[in-house]
N, C-alpha and C. Protein backbone atom coordinates (compact mmCIF):
# COMPACT_ATOMS: atom_id res chain seq x y z
N MET A 1 -40.20 -27.06 -44.19
CA MET A 1 -40.01 -28.05 -43.46
C MET A 1 -37.83 -27.67 -43.32
N PHE A 2 -37.37 -27.64 -44.54
CA PHE A 2 -36.21 -27.50 -44.80
C PHE A 2 -35.80 -26.23 -43.97
N LEU A 3 -36.18 -25.02 -43.78
CA LEU A 3 -36.25 -24.04 -42.69
C LEU A 3 -36.43 -23.55 -41.70
N ARG A 4 -37.12 -24.58 -41.30
CA ARG A 4 -37.39 -24.92 -39.74
C ARG A 4 -36.24 -25.58 -38.86
N LYS A 5 -35.88 -26.40 -39.72
CA LYS A 5 -34.53 -27.28 -39.62
C LYS A 5 -33.17 -26.43 -39.37
N LYS A 6 -33.12 -25.21 -40.85
CA LYS A 6 -31.95 -24.72 -40.61
C LYS A 6 -31.83 -23.31 -39.40
N TRP A 7 -33.72 -22.86 -39.14
CA TRP A 7 -33.90 -22.35 -38.15
C TRP A 7 -33.22 -22.68 -36.82
N LEU A 8 -33.40 -24.16 -36.15
CA LEU A 8 -33.12 -24.81 -35.27
C LEU A 8 -32.03 -25.20 -35.26
N ALA A 9 -31.10 -25.50 -35.94
CA ALA A 9 -29.68 -25.22 -36.13
C ALA A 9 -29.13 -24.14 -36.17
N MET A 10 -29.35 -23.27 -36.54
CA MET A 10 -29.05 -21.89 -36.27
C MET A 10 -28.65 -21.23 -34.91
N SER A 11 -30.22 -21.79 -34.62
CA SER A 11 -29.97 -20.95 -32.85
C SER A 11 -29.56 -22.08 -32.00
N ALA A 12 -29.29 -23.09 -32.59
CA ALA A 12 -28.77 -24.42 -31.69
C ALA A 12 -26.92 -23.89 -31.71
N VAL A 13 -26.81 -23.43 -32.80
CA VAL A 13 -25.11 -22.70 -32.88
C VAL A 13 -25.29 -21.72 -31.88
N ILE A 14 -26.09 -20.59 -32.37
CA ILE A 14 -25.97 -19.40 -31.41
C ILE A 14 -25.84 -19.45 -29.85
N THR A 15 -26.66 -20.14 -29.45
CA THR A 15 -26.94 -21.11 -28.17
C THR A 15 -25.37 -21.37 -27.44
N ALA A 16 -24.90 -22.12 -28.25
CA ALA A 16 -23.74 -23.08 -28.16
C ALA A 16 -22.73 -21.94 -27.78
N VAL A 17 -22.65 -21.04 -28.52
CA VAL A 17 -21.26 -19.74 -28.70
C VAL A 17 -21.62 -18.80 -27.36
N LEU A 18 -22.93 -18.32 -27.34
CA LEU A 18 -23.56 -17.76 -26.11
C LEU A 18 -22.73 -18.49 -24.97
N LEU A 19 -22.97 -20.00 -24.48
CA LEU A 19 -22.68 -20.73 -23.49
C LEU A 19 -21.10 -20.94 -23.65
N LEU A 20 -20.70 -21.12 -24.83
CA LEU A 20 -18.82 -21.15 -24.53
C LEU A 20 -18.54 -19.53 -24.11
N GLY A 21 -19.25 -18.63 -24.61
CA GLY A 21 -18.68 -17.43 -24.18
C GLY A 21 -18.49 -16.91 -22.99
N ALA A 22 -19.37 -17.32 -22.25
CA ALA A 22 -20.24 -16.79 -20.91
C ALA A 22 -19.35 -17.69 -19.75
N CYS A 23 -18.90 -19.03 -20.47
CA CYS A 23 -17.94 -19.73 -19.30
C CYS A 23 -16.31 -19.19 -19.55
N GLY A 24 -15.99 -18.66 -20.48
CA GLY A 24 -14.91 -18.23 -20.35
C GLY A 24 -14.67 -16.83 -19.53
N GLY A 25 -13.83 -17.25 -19.28
CA GLY A 25 -13.47 -16.02 -17.68
C GLY A 25 -12.37 -15.01 -17.84
N ASN A 26 -12.23 -13.95 -17.26
CA ASN A 26 -11.19 -12.85 -17.77
C ASN A 26 -10.02 -13.77 -16.59
N LYS A 27 -8.78 -13.92 -17.35
CA LYS A 27 -7.75 -14.55 -16.54
C LYS A 27 -6.62 -13.54 -15.78
N GLU A 28 -7.15 -12.21 -15.65
CA GLU A 28 -6.28 -11.21 -15.14
C GLU A 28 -7.62 -11.76 -13.61
N SER A 29 -8.46 -11.57 -13.35
CA SER A 29 -9.22 -11.96 -12.23
C SER A 29 -8.59 -13.41 -11.39
N LYS A 30 -8.32 -14.27 -12.11
CA LYS A 30 -7.64 -15.43 -11.33
C LYS A 30 -6.32 -15.45 -10.72
N GLU A 31 -5.46 -13.85 -11.25
CA GLU A 31 -4.23 -14.09 -10.40
C GLU A 31 -4.15 -13.81 -8.84
N PRO A 32 -2.93 -14.03 -8.56
CA PRO A 32 -3.45 -14.19 -7.06
C PRO A 32 -3.18 -12.75 -6.70
N ILE A 33 -3.64 -12.29 -6.10
CA ILE A 33 -3.21 -10.61 -5.24
C ILE A 33 -1.82 -10.69 -4.89
N TYR A 34 -1.40 -11.91 -4.13
CA TYR A 34 0.07 -10.95 -3.30
C TYR A 34 1.18 -12.12 -4.40
N ASP A 35 2.11 -11.03 -4.71
CA ASP A 35 3.25 -12.26 -5.13
C ASP A 35 4.11 -12.95 -4.11
N ASN A 36 4.47 -14.34 -4.55
CA ASN A 36 4.90 -15.45 -4.00
C ASN A 36 6.24 -15.30 -3.87
N PRO A 37 7.21 -15.08 -2.76
CA PRO A 37 8.40 -14.86 -2.53
C PRO A 37 8.92 -16.05 -3.35
N GLY A 38 8.15 -17.62 -2.88
CA GLY A 38 8.77 -18.84 -3.47
C GLY A 38 9.12 -18.55 -5.07
N ASN A 39 8.14 -17.83 -5.49
CA ASN A 39 8.27 -17.77 -7.20
C ASN A 39 9.63 -16.92 -7.85
N HIS A 40 10.55 -16.31 -6.97
CA HIS A 40 11.90 -15.78 -6.90
C HIS A 40 12.68 -16.33 -6.50
N THR A 41 14.29 -16.04 -7.80
CA THR A 41 15.07 -16.47 -7.37
C THR A 41 16.15 -16.10 -5.83
N ALA A 42 16.91 -16.00 -5.60
CA ALA A 42 18.29 -15.33 -4.76
C ALA A 42 18.45 -13.62 -5.27
N GLU A 43 18.50 -13.76 -6.69
CA GLU A 43 19.03 -12.48 -7.57
C GLU A 43 17.53 -11.57 -7.85
N ASP A 44 16.71 -11.58 -7.44
CA ASP A 44 15.15 -10.88 -7.41
C ASP A 44 15.54 -10.02 -6.13
N PHE A 45 16.15 -10.66 -4.74
CA PHE A 45 16.39 -10.26 -3.50
C PHE A 45 17.42 -9.25 -3.68
N MET A 46 17.43 -7.94 -2.78
CA MET A 46 18.95 -7.59 -2.06
C MET A 46 18.40 -7.55 -0.63
N PRO A 47 19.80 -7.38 -0.36
CA PRO A 47 20.23 -7.04 1.17
C PRO A 47 18.99 -6.33 1.93
N LEU A 48 18.72 -5.92 3.03
CA LEU A 48 18.19 -5.28 3.98
C LEU A 48 18.91 -4.01 4.06
N SER A 49 20.12 -4.09 3.85
CA SER A 49 21.00 -3.35 4.26
C SER A 49 21.00 -2.29 3.12
N GLU A 50 21.07 -2.65 1.84
CA GLU A 50 21.45 -2.05 0.72
C GLU A 50 19.68 -1.85 -0.07
N GLY A 51 18.75 -2.29 0.73
CA GLY A 51 17.16 -1.41 0.68
C GLY A 51 17.26 0.03 1.11
N PHE A 52 18.12 -0.22 2.49
CA PHE A 52 18.11 0.81 3.36
C PHE A 52 18.79 1.92 2.41
N GLU A 53 19.79 1.68 1.95
CA GLU A 53 20.25 2.87 1.44
C GLU A 53 19.73 2.94 0.28
N LYS A 54 19.53 2.29 -0.65
CA LYS A 54 18.63 2.39 -1.62
C LYS A 54 16.99 3.40 -1.56
N TYR A 55 16.63 2.92 -0.65
CA TYR A 55 15.02 3.09 -0.06
C TYR A 55 15.50 3.84 1.68
N SER A 56 15.48 4.97 1.26
CA SER A 56 16.02 5.84 2.95
C SER A 56 15.01 6.43 3.70
N VAL A 57 13.43 6.23 2.96
CA VAL A 57 12.52 6.74 3.91
C VAL A 57 11.01 5.72 3.60
N TRP A 58 11.11 5.14 5.38
CA TRP A 58 10.06 4.16 5.05
C TRP A 58 8.86 4.60 6.02
N ILE A 59 7.66 3.93 5.78
CA ILE A 59 6.54 4.49 6.61
C ILE A 59 5.88 3.20 7.79
N GLU A 60 5.53 3.54 8.54
CA GLU A 60 4.79 2.46 9.38
C GLU A 60 3.69 2.59 9.17
N THR A 61 2.77 1.75 8.89
CA THR A 61 1.23 1.74 8.78
C THR A 61 0.50 0.80 8.99
N ALA A 62 -0.52 0.25 9.05
CA ALA A 62 -1.49 -0.75 8.93
C ALA A 62 -0.96 -1.78 8.14
N GLU A 63 -1.50 -3.38 8.64
CA GLU A 63 -0.77 -4.89 7.88
C GLU A 63 -1.12 -4.46 6.74
N ASN A 64 -2.56 -4.64 6.28
CA ASN A 64 -3.04 -3.97 4.94
C ASN A 64 -3.47 -3.04 4.47
N PRO A 65 -2.37 -1.84 4.51
CA PRO A 65 -2.87 -0.55 4.05
C PRO A 65 -3.64 -0.17 2.88
N VAL A 66 -4.73 0.75 2.90
CA VAL A 66 -5.06 0.91 1.72
C VAL A 66 -5.06 2.52 2.17
N ARG A 67 -6.12 3.60 0.77
CA ARG A 67 -5.19 5.03 0.52
C ARG A 67 -5.77 5.38 2.13
N ASP A 68 -7.28 5.10 2.81
CA ASP A 68 -7.09 5.88 4.09
C ASP A 68 -6.43 5.33 5.30
N SER A 69 -5.82 4.29 5.41
CA SER A 69 -5.01 3.82 6.19
C SER A 69 -3.69 5.29 7.18
N SER A 70 -3.95 4.90 8.56
CA SER A 70 -3.07 5.69 9.26
C SER A 70 -1.74 5.23 9.01
N VAL A 71 -0.88 6.61 8.87
CA VAL A 71 0.32 6.27 8.86
C VAL A 71 0.92 6.82 10.08
N PHE A 72 1.77 5.53 11.19
CA PHE A 72 1.68 5.95 12.36
C PHE A 72 3.13 6.63 12.34
N LYS A 73 4.66 6.07 11.61
CA LYS A 73 5.43 6.54 11.91
C LYS A 73 6.36 6.88 10.14
N VAL A 74 7.52 7.48 10.63
CA VAL A 74 8.32 7.71 9.22
C VAL A 74 9.94 7.28 10.12
N PHE A 75 10.36 6.46 9.15
CA PHE A 75 11.68 6.03 9.47
C PHE A 75 12.61 6.55 8.28
N VAL A 76 14.03 6.98 8.77
CA VAL A 76 14.57 8.26 7.52
C VAL A 76 16.02 6.96 8.05
N PHE A 77 16.36 6.48 7.00
CA PHE A 77 17.91 5.32 7.41
C PHE A 77 18.67 5.93 6.23
N LYS A 78 19.54 6.96 7.24
CA LYS A 78 20.91 7.95 6.44
C LYS A 78 22.45 7.36 7.54
N LYS A 79 23.37 6.78 6.47
CA LYS A 79 24.49 6.65 6.88
C LYS A 79 24.44 5.86 8.23
N GLY A 80 23.83 4.33 8.36
CA GLY A 80 23.72 3.37 9.02
C GLY A 80 23.22 3.83 10.26
N LYS A 81 22.48 4.98 10.54
CA LYS A 81 21.57 5.76 11.61
C LYS A 81 20.34 5.65 10.99
N VAL A 82 19.38 5.37 11.68
CA VAL A 82 18.02 5.53 11.72
C VAL A 82 17.30 7.00 12.25
N THR A 83 16.68 7.61 11.91
CA THR A 83 15.50 8.50 12.67
C THR A 83 13.97 7.90 12.47
N ALA A 84 13.37 7.90 13.65
CA ALA A 84 12.04 7.79 13.14
C ALA A 84 11.19 9.26 13.54
N TYR A 85 10.30 9.49 13.21
CA TYR A 85 9.00 10.77 13.30
C TYR A 85 7.84 9.70 13.69
N LYS A 86 7.18 10.87 14.40
CA LYS A 86 5.93 10.02 14.97
C LYS A 86 4.64 11.10 13.88
N LEU A 87 3.96 10.51 13.50
CA LEU A 87 3.00 11.15 12.69
C LEU A 87 1.95 10.88 13.47
N GLU A 88 0.78 11.77 13.48
CA GLU A 88 -0.03 11.96 13.84
C GLU A 88 -1.66 12.56 12.84
N ASP A 89 -3.14 11.79 13.00
CA ASP A 89 -3.75 12.70 12.05
C ASP A 89 -3.46 12.54 10.30
N THR A 90 -2.97 11.62 10.02
CA THR A 90 -2.23 11.56 8.55
C THR A 90 -2.27 10.32 8.32
N THR A 91 -3.00 10.30 6.82
CA THR A 91 -3.15 9.08 5.79
C THR A 91 -2.43 8.50 5.09
N ILE A 92 -1.96 8.05 3.54
CA ILE A 92 -1.90 7.34 2.85
C ILE A 92 -1.83 8.44 2.11
N GLU A 93 -3.47 8.58 2.08
CA GLU A 93 -3.82 9.68 0.86
C GLU A 93 -2.95 11.32 0.80
N ASP A 94 -2.79 11.50 2.33
CA ASP A 94 -2.08 12.49 2.51
C ASP A 94 -1.03 12.95 1.84
N ILE A 95 -0.19 11.57 1.97
CA ILE A 95 1.43 11.96 1.70
C ILE A 95 1.70 11.07 0.64
N HIS A 96 0.72 10.58 0.17
CA HIS A 96 1.47 9.68 -1.16
C HIS A 96 1.79 10.30 -2.52
N ASP A 97 1.58 12.01 -3.00
CA ASP A 97 2.10 12.87 -3.50
C ASP A 97 3.43 13.55 -3.19
N LEU A 98 3.71 13.16 -2.12
CA LEU A 98 4.88 13.88 -1.28
C LEU A 98 6.23 13.49 -1.94
N SER A 99 7.39 14.17 -2.04
CA SER A 99 8.45 13.56 -2.61
C SER A 99 9.30 13.34 -0.88
N ASN A 100 10.21 12.59 -0.92
CA ASN A 100 10.44 12.12 0.55
C ASN A 100 11.61 12.97 1.22
N ASP A 101 11.79 14.47 0.96
CA ASP A 101 11.96 15.47 1.54
C ASP A 101 10.61 16.10 2.07
N GLU A 102 9.68 16.13 1.37
CA GLU A 102 8.50 16.59 2.05
C GLU A 102 7.90 16.00 3.10
N LEU A 103 7.74 14.62 2.91
CA LEU A 103 7.49 13.46 4.11
C LEU A 103 8.55 13.67 5.31
N VAL A 104 9.58 14.07 5.21
CA VAL A 104 10.69 13.96 6.64
C VAL A 104 10.14 15.39 6.72
N GLN A 105 9.88 16.27 5.61
CA GLN A 105 9.68 17.73 6.54
C GLN A 105 8.20 17.79 7.56
N LEU A 106 7.59 17.11 6.44
CA LEU A 106 5.62 16.92 7.65
C LEU A 106 6.33 16.19 8.59
N ALA A 107 6.82 15.20 8.84
CA ALA A 107 6.95 14.30 10.39
C ALA A 107 7.75 14.85 11.14
N SER A 108 8.77 15.61 10.68
CA SER A 108 9.81 16.30 11.03
C SER A 108 8.95 17.57 12.65
N GLU A 109 7.93 17.89 11.35
CA GLU A 109 7.41 19.25 12.22
C GLU A 109 5.75 18.60 12.97
N SER A 110 5.11 17.45 12.02
CA SER A 110 4.43 17.01 14.01
C SER A 110 5.29 15.99 14.98
N THR A 111 6.35 15.71 14.18
CA THR A 111 7.07 15.08 16.13
C THR A 111 7.74 16.30 16.90
N ASN A 112 8.12 17.22 16.14
CA ASN A 112 8.49 18.70 16.92
C ASN A 112 6.62 19.20 17.72
N LYS A 113 5.51 19.50 17.29
CA LYS A 113 4.48 20.01 17.51
C LYS A 113 4.20 18.49 18.53
N THR A 114 4.13 17.79 18.20
CA THR A 114 3.82 16.26 19.35
C THR A 114 4.80 16.65 21.03
N LEU A 115 5.96 16.76 20.89
CA LEU A 115 7.06 17.24 21.57
C LEU A 115 6.86 18.34 22.58
N ASP A 116 6.71 19.32 21.36
CA ASP A 116 6.09 21.09 22.23
C ASP A 116 4.64 20.60 22.99
N GLU A 117 3.87 19.96 22.66
CA GLU A 117 2.83 19.77 23.39
C GLU A 117 2.87 19.09 24.49
N LEU A 118 3.94 18.05 25.02
CA LEU A 118 4.17 17.43 25.68
C LEU A 118 4.96 17.74 26.86
N ALA A 119 5.82 19.27 26.31
CA ALA A 119 6.61 20.10 27.11
C ALA A 119 5.53 20.97 27.86
N ASN A 120 4.40 21.45 26.81
CA ASN A 120 3.44 22.29 28.02
C ASN A 120 2.88 21.96 28.38
N ASN A 121 2.42 20.49 28.68
CA ASN A 121 1.88 19.83 29.53
C ASN A 121 2.34 19.82 30.66
N ILE A 122 3.59 18.96 30.48
CA ILE A 122 4.62 18.90 31.78
C ILE A 122 4.71 20.43 32.40
N ASN A 123 5.55 21.32 31.67
CA ASN A 123 5.61 22.71 32.66
C ASN A 123 4.35 22.98 33.07
N SER A 124 2.51 22.97 32.27
CA SER A 124 1.91 23.68 33.07
C SER A 124 1.09 22.63 34.46
N THR A 125 1.42 21.07 34.80
CA THR A 125 1.21 20.54 35.95
C THR A 125 2.35 21.27 37.23
N THR A 126 1.09 21.22 38.42
CA THR A 126 1.43 22.02 38.99
C THR A 126 2.29 20.65 40.25
N ARG A 127 3.27 20.86 40.83
CA ARG A 127 4.12 20.20 41.77
C ARG A 127 3.17 20.22 43.57
N VAL A 128 2.82 19.02 43.75
CA VAL A 128 2.29 18.81 44.68
C VAL A 128 3.60 18.72 45.94
N ASP A 129 4.00 19.46 47.11
CA ASP A 129 5.47 19.13 48.04
C ASP A 129 4.37 18.51 49.21
């Protein structure tokens, strides 16, 4: 009888530990995905003009980009001026390992190719007078 009570008590304790262990969740999974700007002070931000000087190469892509999102344009900010390049058939996966200089070169070549194709199309059309 004593062994039966001891076994019953032990199984109750093990069950309680397992239930409590299962109820405890991973706190990391409950963290918000996006950082709330309201959680920061003014010192945490920099003026946009300073951001353009510090981070001179920017890309335009989908609103919520992932690795296979298309990159539409590359913007280069230099000495208060901006140069925009158009990219075609390029994803974030394609450019994530490139340096800023390599990205600008790729974008420049893509833009020149697009302009050359446009010029060829214009030249190949015949005028009807």
